[in-house]
PDB file of N, CA and C in Angstrom:
ATOM      1  N   MET A   1      -2.622  -9.827   3.815  1.00  0.00           N
ATOM      2  CA  MET A   1      -2.601  -9.082   5.046  1.00  0.00           C
ATOM      3  C   MET A   1      -1.190  -8.908   5.582  1.00  0.00           C
ATOM      4  N   ARG A   2      -0.231  -9.278   4.787  1.00  0.00           N
ATOM      5  CA  ARG A   2       1.152  -9.120   5.208  1.00  0.00           C
ATOM      6  C   ARG A   2       1.482  -7.660   5.519  1.00  0.00           C
ATOM      7  N   TYR A   3       0.817  -6.753   4.801  1.00  0.00           N
ATOM      8  CA  TYR A   3       1.078  -5.339   5.031  1.00  0.00           C
ATOM      9  C   TYR A   3       0.767  -4.922   6.463  1.00  0.00           C
ATOM     10  N   LEU A   4      -0.146  -5.631   7.136  1.00  0.00           N
ATOM     11  CA  LEU A   4      -0.464  -5.290   8.526  1.00  0.00           C
ATOM     12  C   LEU A   4       0.725  -5.529   9.448  1.00  0.00           C
ATOM     13  N   LEU A   5       1.562  -6.489   9.104  1.00  0.00           N
ATOM     14  CA  LEU A   5       2.754  -6.740   9.909  1.00  0.00           C
ATOM     15  C   LEU A   5       3.778  -5.631   9.732  1.00  0.00           C
ATOM     16  N   VAL A   6       3.825  -5.065   8.531  1.00  0.00           N
ATOM     17  CA  VAL A   6       4.804  -4.025   8.233  1.00  0.00           C
ATOM     18  C   VAL A   6       4.286  -2.653   8.633  1.00  0.00           C
ATOM     19  N   TYR A   7       3.052  -2.368   8.246  1.00  0.00           N
ATOM     20  CA  TYR A   7       2.428  -1.071   8.528  1.00  0.00           C
ATOM     21  C   TYR A   7       1.307  -1.307   9.529  1.00  0.00           C
ATOM     22  N   SER A   8       1.584  -1.078  10.791  1.00  0.00           N
ATOM     23  CA  SER A   8       0.669  -1.534  11.836  1.00  0.00           C
ATOM     24  C   SER A   8      -0.498  -0.602  12.121  1.00  0.00           C
ATOM     25  N   GLY A   9      -0.572   0.526  11.483  1.00  0.00           N
ATOM     26  CA  GLY A   9      -1.672   1.440  11.756  1.00  0.00           C
ATOM     27  C   GLY A   9      -2.040   2.253  10.533  1.00  0.00           C
ATOM     28  N   GLU A  10      -3.096   3.026  10.660  1.00  0.00           N
ATOM     29  CA  GLU A  10      -3.624   3.791   9.530  1.00  0.00           C
ATOM     30  C   GLU A  10      -2.591   4.753   8.944  1.00  0.00           C
ATOM     31  N   ASN A  11      -1.954   5.547   9.780  1.00  0.00           N
ATOM     32  CA  ASN A  11      -0.995   6.535   9.274  1.00  0.00           C
ATOM     33  C   ASN A  11       0.209   5.873   8.625  1.00  0.00           C
ATOM     34  N   ASN A  12       0.730   4.820   9.250  1.00  0.00           N
ATOM     35  CA  ASN A  12       1.876   4.111   8.677  1.00  0.00           C
ATOM     36  C   ASN A  12       1.511   3.448   7.357  1.00  0.00           C
ATOM     37  N   LEU A  13       0.334   2.855   7.298  1.00  0.00           N
ATOM     38  CA  LEU A  13      -0.112   2.197   6.074  1.00  0.00           C
ATOM     39  C   LEU A  13      -0.242   3.201   4.937  1.00  0.00           C
ATOM     40  N   LYS A  14      -0.911   4.309   5.204  1.00  0.00           N
ATOM     41  CA  LYS A  14      -1.113   5.314   4.156  1.00  0.00           C
ATOM     42  C   LYS A  14       0.216   5.912   3.695  1.00  0.00           C
ATOM     43  N   ALA A  15       1.104   6.200   4.627  1.00  0.00           N
ATOM     44  CA  ALA A  15       2.406   6.762   4.264  1.00  0.00           C
ATOM     45  C   ALA A  15       3.221   5.762   3.452  1.00  0.00           C
ATOM     46  N   GLY A  16       3.205   4.499   3.870  1.00  0.00           N
ATOM     47  CA  GLY A  16       3.950   3.469   3.148  1.00  0.00           C
ATOM     48  C   GLY A  16       3.410   3.225   1.753  1.00  0.00           C
ATOM     49  N   LEU A  17       2.090   3.138   1.630  1.00  0.00           N
ATOM     50  CA  LEU A  17       1.491   2.939   0.312  1.00  0.00           C
ATOM     51  C   LEU A  17       1.728   4.140  -0.596  1.00  0.00           C
ATOM     52  N   LYS A  18       1.607   5.330  -0.042  1.00  0.00           N
ATOM     53  CA  LYS A  18       1.825   6.542  -0.845  1.00  0.00           C
ATOM     54  C   LYS A  18       3.254   6.569  -1.375  1.00  0.00           C
ATOM     55  N   HIS A  19       4.196   6.271  -0.512  1.00  0.00           N
ATOM     56  CA  HIS A  19       5.599   6.246  -0.946  1.00  0.00           C
ATOM     57  C   HIS A  19       5.819   5.183  -2.023  1.00  0.00           C
ATOM     58  N   TYR A  20       5.264   3.995  -1.815  1.00  0.00           N
ATOM     59  CA  TYR A  20       5.443   2.921  -2.796  1.00  0.00           C
ATOM     60  C   TYR A  20       4.798   3.282  -4.132  1.00  0.00           C
ATOM     61  N   LEU A  21       3.619   3.875  -4.098  1.00  0.00           N
ATOM     62  CA  LEU A  21       2.933   4.219  -5.342  1.00  0.00           C
ATOM     63  C   LEU A  21       3.661   5.322  -6.109  1.00  0.00           C
ATOM     64  N   LYS A  22       4.338   6.200  -5.383  1.00  0.00           N
ATOM     65  CA  LYS A  22       5.095   7.270  -6.035  1.00  0.00           C
ATOM     66  C   LYS A  22       6.472   6.798  -6.491  1.00  0.00           C
ATOM     67  N   TYR A  23       7.051   5.868  -5.740  1.00  0.00           N
ATOM     68  CA  TYR A  23       8.406   5.383  -6.025  1.00  0.00           C
ATOM     69  C   TYR A  23       8.446   3.859  -5.927  1.00  0.00           C
ATOM     70  N   PRO A  24       7.750   3.157  -6.824  1.00  0.00           N
ATOM     71  CA  PRO A  24       7.689   1.693  -6.718  1.00  0.00           C
ATOM     72  C   PRO A  24       9.070   1.048  -6.864  1.00  0.00           C
ATOM     73  N   SER A  25       9.322   0.078  -6.006  1.00  0.00           N
ATOM     74  CA  SER A  25      10.602  -0.619  -6.011  1.00  0.00           C
ATOM     75  C   SER A  25      10.426  -1.997  -5.389  1.00  0.00           C
ATOM     76  N   LYS A  26      11.126  -2.963  -5.937  1.00  0.00           N
ATOM     77  CA  LYS A  26      11.078  -4.312  -5.377  1.00  0.00           C
ATOM     78  C   LYS A  26      11.627  -4.325  -3.948  1.00  0.00           C
ATOM     79  N   ASP A  27      12.581  -3.446  -3.679  1.00  0.00           N
ATOM     80  CA  ASP A  27      13.226  -3.407  -2.364  1.00  0.00           C
ATOM     81  C   ASP A  27      12.281  -3.000  -1.237  1.00  0.00           C
ATOM     82  N   ILE A  28      11.271  -2.192  -1.539  1.00  0.00           N
ATOM     83  CA  ILE A  28      10.372  -1.721  -0.483  1.00  0.00           C
ATOM     84  C   ILE A  28       8.993  -2.359  -0.553  1.00  0.00           C
ATOM     85  N   SER A  29       8.777  -3.239  -1.502  1.00  0.00           N
ATOM     86  CA  SER A  29       7.476  -3.892  -1.639  1.00  0.00           C
ATOM     87  C   SER A  29       7.276  -4.925  -0.536  1.00  0.00           C
ATOM     88  N   VAL A  30       6.019  -5.085  -0.096  1.00  0.00           N
ATOM     89  CA  VAL A  30       5.708  -6.122   0.882  1.00  0.00           C
ATOM     90  C   VAL A  30       5.234  -7.402   0.192  1.00  0.00           C
ATOM     91  N   MET A  31       5.150  -7.371  -1.132  1.00  0.00           N
ATOM     92  CA  MET A  31       4.750  -8.560  -1.881  1.00  0.00           C
ATOM     93  C   MET A  31       5.903  -9.564  -1.889  1.00  0.00           C
ATOM     94  N   SER A  32       5.564 -10.823  -2.069  1.00  0.00           N
ATOM     95  CA  SER A  32       6.589 -11.869  -2.070  1.00  0.00           C
ATOM     96  C   SER A  32       7.458 -11.762  -3.321  1.00  0.00           C
ATOM     97  N   ASP A  33       8.669 -12.290  -3.230  1.00  0.00           N
ATOM     98  CA  ASP A  33       9.564 -12.303  -4.387  1.00  0.00           C
ATOM     99  C   ASP A  33       8.946 -13.067  -5.550  1.00  0.00           C
ATOM    100  N   LEU A  34       8.259 -14.166  -5.257  1.00  0.00           N
ATOM    101  CA  LEU A  34       7.614 -14.951  -6.306  1.00  0.00           C
ATOM    102  C   LEU A  34       6.581 -14.106  -7.052  1.00  0.00           C
ATOM    103  N   PHE A  35       5.766 -13.370  -6.317  1.00  0.00           N
ATOM    104  CA  PHE A  35       4.762 -12.503  -6.943  1.00  0.00           C
ATOM    105  C   PHE A  35       5.434 -11.451  -7.820  1.00  0.00           C
ATOM    106  N   LEU A  36       6.462 -10.800  -7.279  1.00  0.00           N
ATOM    107  CA  LEU A  36       7.139  -9.747  -8.031  1.00  0.00           C
ATOM    108  C   LEU A  36       7.888 -10.298  -9.235  1.00  0.00           C
ATOM    109  N   ASP A  37       8.465 -11.483  -9.105  1.00  0.00           N
ATOM    110  CA  ASP A  37       9.142 -12.100 -10.248  1.00  0.00           C
ATOM    111  C   ASP A  37       8.144 -12.477 -11.338  1.00  0.00           C
ATOM    112  N   THR A  38       6.946 -12.857 -10.934  1.00  0.00           N
ATOM    113  CA  THR A  38       5.915 -13.256 -11.893  1.00  0.00           C
ATOM    114  C   THR A  38       5.264 -12.048 -12.552  1.00  0.00           C
ATOM    115  N   TYR A  39       4.890 -11.061 -11.753  1.00  0.00           N
ATOM    116  CA  TYR A  39       4.100  -9.937 -12.260  1.00  0.00           C
ATOM    117  C   TYR A  39       4.875  -8.627 -12.375  1.00  0.00           C
ATOM    118  N   GLY A  40       6.017  -8.543 -11.736  1.00  0.00           N
ATOM    119  CA  GLY A  40       6.815  -7.325 -11.797  1.00  0.00           C
ATOM    120  C   GLY A  40       6.330  -6.252 -10.833  1.00  0.00           C
ATOM    121  N   VAL A  41       7.033  -5.146 -10.856  1.00  0.00           N
ATOM    122  CA  VAL A  41       6.714  -4.002 -10.008  1.00  0.00           C
ATOM    123  C   VAL A  41       5.846  -3.052 -10.819  1.00  0.00           C
ATOM    124  N   LYS A  42       4.832  -2.487 -10.188  1.00  0.00           N
ATOM    125  CA  LYS A  42       3.912  -1.590 -10.895  1.00  0.00           C
ATOM    126  C   LYS A  42       4.629  -0.329 -11.371  1.00  0.00           C
ATOM    127  N   HIS A  43       3.981   0.375 -12.272  1.00  0.00           N
ATOM    128  CA  HIS A  43       4.515   1.648 -12.744  1.00  0.00           C
ATOM    129  C   HIS A  43       4.206   2.744 -11.727  1.00  0.00           C
ATOM    130  N   LYS A  44       4.990   3.791 -11.766  1.00  0.00           N
ATOM    131  CA  LYS A  44       4.793   4.944 -10.887  1.00  0.00           C
ATOM    132  C   LYS A  44       3.401   5.541 -11.117  1.00  0.00           C
ATOM    133  N   THR A  45       2.748   5.976 -10.055  1.00  0.00           N
ATOM    134  CA  THR A  45       1.412   6.558 -10.161  1.00  0.00           C
ATOM    135  C   THR A  45       1.438   7.888 -10.910  1.00  0.00           C
ATOM    136  N   VAL A  46       0.329   8.207 -11.542  1.00  0.00           N
ATOM    137  CA  VAL A  46       0.182   9.500 -12.212  1.00  0.00           C
ATOM    138  C   VAL A  46      -0.769  10.404 -11.424  1.00  0.00           C
ATOM    139  N   LEU A  47      -1.234   9.934 -10.271  1.00  0.00           N
ATOM    140  CA  LEU A  47      -2.143  10.713  -9.439  1.00  0.00           C
ATOM    141  C   LEU A  47      -1.390  11.821  -8.711  1.00  0.00           C
ATOM    142  N   SER A  48      -2.068  12.936  -8.492  1.00  0.00           N
ATOM    143  CA  SER A  48      -1.487  14.016  -7.689  1.00  0.00           C
ATOM    144  C   SER A  48      -1.496  13.586  -6.219  1.00  0.00           C
ATOM    145  N   ASP A  49      -0.777  14.315  -5.388  1.00  0.00           N
ATOM    146  CA  ASP A  49      -0.761  14.000  -3.953  1.00  0.00           C
ATOM    147  C   ASP A  49      -2.167  14.066  -3.365  1.00  0.00           C
ATOM    148  N   ARG A  50      -2.951  15.064  -3.764  1.00  0.00           N
ATOM    149  CA  ARG A  50      -4.318  15.206  -3.255  1.00  0.00           C
ATOM    150  C   ARG A  50      -5.171  14.014  -3.668  1.00  0.00           C
ATOM    151  N   GLN A  51      -5.083  13.621  -4.940  1.00  0.00           N
ATOM    152  CA  GLN A  51      -5.845  12.468  -5.424  1.00  0.00           C
ATOM    153  C   GLN A  51      -5.404  11.195  -4.716  1.00  0.00           C
ATOM    154  N   LEU A  52      -4.116  11.055  -4.531  1.00  0.00           N
ATOM    155  CA  LEU A  52      -3.575   9.875  -3.866  1.00  0.00           C
ATOM    156  C   LEU A  52      -4.072   9.792  -2.424  1.00  0.00           C
ATOM    157  N   ASP A  53      -4.107  10.916  -1.730  1.00  0.00           N
ATOM    158  CA  ASP A  53      -4.629  10.936  -0.358  1.00  0.00           C
ATOM    159  C   ASP A  53      -6.094  10.516  -0.323  1.00  0.00           C
ATOM    160  N   GLU A  54      -6.885  10.985  -1.279  1.00  0.00           N
ATOM    161  CA  GLU A  54      -8.305  10.617  -1.338  1.00  0.00           C
ATOM    162  C   GLU A  54      -8.472   9.121  -1.590  1.00  0.00           C
ATOM    163  N   VAL A  55      -7.684   8.590  -2.507  1.00  0.00           N
ATOM    164  CA  VAL A  55      -7.753   7.165  -2.831  1.00  0.00           C
ATOM    165  C   VAL A  55      -7.340   6.325  -1.628  1.00  0.00           C
ATOM    166  N   LEU A  56      -6.304   6.743  -0.928  1.00  0.00           N
ATOM    167  CA  LEU A  56      -5.841   5.995   0.243  1.00  0.00           C
ATOM    168  C   LEU A  56      -6.864   6.051   1.376  1.00  0.00           C
ATOM    169  N   ASP A  57      -7.552   7.182   1.530  1.00  0.00           N
ATOM    170  CA  ASP A  57      -8.628   7.264   2.528  1.00  0.00           C
ATOM    171  C   ASP A  57      -9.744   6.282   2.188  1.00  0.00           C
ATOM    172  N   THR A  58     -10.123   6.229   0.920  1.00  0.00           N
ATOM    173  CA  THR A  58     -11.166   5.302   0.473  1.00  0.00           C
ATOM    174  C   THR A  58     -10.723   3.860   0.689  1.00  0.00           C
ATOM    175  N   TYR A  59      -9.477   3.553   0.330  1.00  0.00           N
ATOM    176  CA  TYR A  59      -8.928   2.208   0.521  1.00  0.00           C
ATOM    177  C   TYR A  59      -8.994   1.822   1.996  1.00  0.00           C
ATOM    178  N   TRP A  60      -8.554   2.719   2.864  1.00  0.00           N
ATOM    179  CA  TRP A  60      -8.544   2.435   4.298  1.00  0.00           C
ATOM    180  C   TRP A  60      -9.953   2.162   4.807  1.00  0.00           C
ATOM    181  N   ASP A  61     -10.901   3.007   4.425  1.00  0.00           N
ATOM    182  CA  ASP A  61     -12.284   2.836   4.886  1.00  0.00           C
ATOM    183  C   ASP A  61     -12.888   1.521   4.404  1.00  0.00           C
ATOM    184  N   LYS A  62     -12.537   1.117   3.204  1.00  0.00           N
ATOM    185  CA  LYS A  62     -13.136  -0.090   2.629  1.00  0.00           C
ATOM    186  C   LYS A  62     -12.473  -1.378   3.120  1.00  0.00           C
ATOM    187  N   PHE A  63     -11.154  -1.366   3.275  1.00  0.00           N
ATOM    188  CA  PHE A  63     -10.438  -2.615   3.528  1.00  0.00           C
ATOM    189  C   PHE A  63      -9.799  -2.744   4.907  1.00  0.00           C
ATOM    190  N   LYS A  64      -9.992  -1.778   5.797  1.00  0.00           N
ATOM    191  CA  LYS A  64      -9.377  -1.907   7.125  1.00  0.00           C
ATOM    192  C   LYS A  64      -9.960  -3.127   7.841  1.00  0.00           C
ATOM    193  N   VAL A  65      -9.121  -3.788   8.578  1.00  0.00           N
ATOM    194  CA  VAL A  65      -9.566  -4.986   9.294  1.00  0.00           C
ATOM    195  C   VAL A  65      -9.652  -4.741  10.799  1.00  0.00           C
ATOM    196  N   PHE A  66      -9.112  -3.620  11.253  1.00  0.00           N
ATOM    197  CA  PHE A  66      -9.167  -3.315  12.678  1.00  0.00           C
ATOM    198  C   PHE A  66     -10.623  -3.153  13.088  1.00  0.00           C
ATOM    199  N   GLY A  67     -11.001  -3.808  14.166  1.00  0.00           N
ATOM    200  CA  GLY A  67     -12.374  -3.775  14.630  1.00  0.00           C
ATOM    201  C   GLY A  67     -13.247  -4.836  13.988  1.00  0.00           C
ATOM    202  N   LYS A  68     -12.724  -5.516  12.969  1.00  0.00           N
ATOM    203  CA  LYS A  68     -13.486  -6.566  12.296  1.00  0.00           C
ATOM    204  C   LYS A  68     -12.980  -7.958  12.658  1.00  0.00           C
ATOM    205  N   LEU A  69     -11.767  -8.027  13.192  1.00  0.00           N
ATOM    206  CA  LEU A  69     -11.187  -9.313  13.574  1.00  0.00           C
ATOM    207  C   LEU A  69     -11.721  -9.737  14.929  1.00  0.00           C
ATOM    208  N   LYS A  70     -11.962 -11.021  15.079  1.00  0.00           N
ATOM    209  CA  LYS A  70     -12.458 -11.532  16.363  1.00  0.00           C
ATOM    210  C   LYS A  70     -11.604 -12.672  16.831  1.00  0.00           C
TER     211      LYS A  70
END
């Protein structure tokens, strides 16, 4: 849930993830250095912008925590 500290809302989260998936870099990742040193940085996405937007909408709907925290 570290991403919630960096990307505090739906639009920021989607924009940040889209940018990272298109241009993956250790410098902009929210993952820990230990994780990135162990597993590395993912490869650039092959999805089109339209497909990426659809996937990010699905991700947001499935994993959003706003309204679920008490």
